[in-house]
Protein backbone atom coordinates (compact mmCIF):
# COMPACT_ATOMS: atom_id res chain seq x y z
CA UNK A 1 137.94 62.50 -48.02
CA UNK A 2 138.33 63.74 -44.42
CA UNK A 3 138.16 67.32 -43.22
CA UNK A 4 141.27 69.38 -43.71
CA UNK A 5 142.88 70.21 -40.38
CA UNK A 6 143.16 73.96 -39.75
CA UNK A 7 146.48 75.44 -38.72
CA UNK A 8 146.43 76.23 -35.03
CA UNK A 9 148.90 79.10 -34.99
CA UNK A 10 149.08 80.99 -38.29
CA UNK A 11 147.51 84.45 -38.22
CA UNK A 12 146.21 85.21 -41.69
CA UNK A 13 146.33 88.89 -42.59
CA UNK A 14 147.53 90.48 -45.79
CA UNK A 15 149.17 93.82 -46.35
CA UNK A 16 151.29 95.23 -43.55
CA UNK A 17 149.33 94.56 -40.37
CA UNK A 18 150.28 96.48 -37.25
CA UNK A 19 148.22 94.31 -34.93
CA UNK A 20 146.87 90.78 -34.87
CA UNK A 21 144.67 88.74 -32.55
CA UNK A 22 146.60 85.63 -31.54
CA UNK A 23 144.98 82.26 -31.14
CA UNK A 24 145.75 82.55 -27.42
CA UNK A 25 143.30 85.46 -27.37
CA UNK A 26 145.58 88.46 -26.83
CA UNK A 27 146.30 91.29 -29.25
CA UNK A 28 149.86 91.42 -30.58
CA UNK A 29 151.31 94.61 -32.02
CA UNK A 30 154.07 95.29 -34.55
CA UNK A 31 157.10 96.84 -32.87
CA UNK A 32 160.27 98.17 -34.47
CA UNK A 33 162.33 96.63 -31.70
CA UNK A 34 161.85 94.38 -28.68
CA UNK A 35 163.84 93.91 -25.51
CA UNK A 36 165.95 90.76 -25.73
CA UNK A 37 166.61 89.15 -22.33
CA UNK A 38 169.67 87.23 -21.16
CA UNK A 39 172.28 87.07 -22.64
CA UNK A 40 171.64 90.26 -24.67
CA UNK A 41 169.88 92.66 -22.26
CA UNK A 42 169.26 95.21 -24.99
CA UNK A 43 166.67 96.44 -27.47
CA UNK A 44 166.94 94.44 -30.70
CA UNK A 45 165.35 95.58 -33.98
CA UNK A 46 162.78 93.30 -35.62
CA UNK A 47 163.20 92.39 -39.28
CA UNK A 48 160.45 94.05 -41.26
CA UNK A 49 158.19 91.62 -43.12
CA UNK A 50 155.28 92.81 -45.25
CA UNK A 51 152.50 90.50 -44.09
CA UNK A 52 153.91 89.20 -40.78
CA UNK A 53 155.65 90.63 -37.73
CA UNK A 54 157.50 89.57 -34.60
CA UNK A 55 155.81 89.96 -31.20
CA UNK A 56 156.51 89.10 -27.58
CA UNK A 57 154.36 86.46 -25.92
CA UNK A 58 153.23 87.48 -22.41
CA UNK A 59 154.96 85.58 -19.61
CA UNK A 60 151.69 83.99 -18.41
CA UNK A 61 151.70 81.72 -21.51
CA UNK A 62 154.14 79.21 -20.05
CA UNK A 63 155.57 76.70 -22.44
CA UNK A 64 155.22 79.04 -25.42
CA UNK A 65 158.25 80.63 -27.05
CA UNK A 66 159.01 84.10 -25.65
CA UNK A 67 158.88 85.64 -29.13
CA UNK A 68 156.77 84.59 -32.10
CA UNK A 69 156.17 85.54 -35.70
CA UNK A 70 152.54 85.93 -36.76
CA UNK A 71 153.12 83.11 -39.27
CA UNK A 72 153.14 80.70 -36.32
CA UNK A 73 156.90 80.21 -36.10
CA UNK A 74 159.07 81.07 -33.13
CA UNK A 75 161.17 84.21 -33.47
CA UNK A 76 164.86 84.28 -32.60
CA UNK A 77 167.71 86.75 -32.28
CA UNK A 78 170.10 86.39 -35.21
CA UNK A 79 173.39 87.92 -36.25
CA UNK A 80 174.09 89.41 -39.69
CA UNK A 81 175.21 86.17 -41.31
CA UNK A 82 171.72 84.76 -40.93
CA UNK A 83 169.65 87.71 -42.07
CA UNK A 84 171.80 89.26 -44.77
CA UNK A 85 169.23 88.36 -47.49
CA UNK A 86 166.53 90.20 -45.49
CA UNK A 87 168.59 93.22 -44.48
CA UNK A 88 167.23 96.69 -45.09
CA UNK A 89 168.59 100.04 -44.00
CA UNK A 90 166.32 99.99 -40.96
CA UNK A 91 168.17 96.91 -39.67
CA UNK A 92 171.58 98.54 -39.67
CA UNK A 93 172.91 99.88 -36.39
CA UNK A 94 174.90 102.59 -38.14
CA UNK A 95 175.86 103.71 -41.61
CA UNK A 96 178.98 105.80 -42.04
CA UNK A 97 179.72 107.54 -45.33
CA UNK A 98 183.12 109.11 -45.88
CA UNK A 99 184.65 110.73 -48.93
CA UNK A 100 188.30 110.10 -49.75
CA UNK A 101 190.60 112.73 -51.30
CA UNK A 102 189.93 111.07 -54.67
CA UNK A 103 186.22 111.90 -54.14
CA UNK A 104 185.29 108.21 -53.72
CA UNK A 105 182.44 107.49 -51.34
CA UNK A 106 183.19 104.75 -48.82
CA UNK A 107 180.20 103.30 -46.99
CA UNK A 108 180.78 101.31 -43.82
CA UNK A 109 177.72 99.50 -42.51
CA UNK A 110 177.67 98.08 -39.01
CA UNK A 111 175.10 95.35 -38.72
CA UNK A 112 173.83 94.15 -35.41
CA UNK A 113 171.45 91.60 -33.98
CA UNK A 114 167.84 91.35 -35.15
CA UNK A 115 164.70 89.43 -34.22
CA UNK A 116 163.70 87.22 -37.14
CA UNK A 117 161.23 84.48 -38.01
CA UNK A 118 162.92 81.17 -37.24
CA UNK A 119 161.18 79.29 -40.05
CA UNK A 120 161.93 81.92 -42.70
CA UNK A 121 165.54 82.57 -41.76
CA UNK A 122 166.93 79.35 -40.28
CA UNK A 123 165.19 76.33 -41.80
CA UNK A 124 167.13 74.72 -44.63
CA UNK A 125 165.33 73.18 -47.61
CA UNK A 126 166.47 69.52 -47.63
CA UNK A 127 166.45 69.28 -51.44
CA UNK A 128 168.38 72.46 -52.26
CA UNK A 129 170.37 73.03 -49.06
CA UNK A 130 169.34 76.71 -49.18
CA UNK A 131 167.52 78.69 -46.50
CA UNK A 132 163.80 78.05 -47.03
CA UNK A 133 162.93 81.76 -47.01
CA UNK A 134 159.20 81.29 -46.38
CA UNK A 135 156.91 81.92 -43.44
CA UNK A 136 154.63 79.27 -41.94
CA UNK A 137 151.84 80.16 -44.37
CA UNK A 138 154.14 79.84 -47.39
CA UNK A 139 154.53 83.59 -47.97
CA UNK A 140 157.95 85.15 -48.42
């Protein structure tokens, strides 16, 4: 049986890493938000994953995606319809709580754009038709 081919992009760390050495040889750091270029031109929060994070690839690495997940997948800017299953309070732009005269709490949540792992949030499982929900290393 032949040698098993090693993955060329997955960064294997467990826990909640705040930094990782990429296979390109530069150190990537976990950020709460990254600046999204055209057409957004704004800071966009990154979805929080336990054992992976989104980072920006320096411009000198031509041909590489501008944003990557440490699982080896590209990272993309998504709207709320795509990340609703991953949403946490830190991904909401604003939360408004009001109390009506009947003493009923009404919570209005405004969701915005987020950076997310393309593989985990956009790839559809061909057998089930559901979002795959896993990173490049198989973790969730």
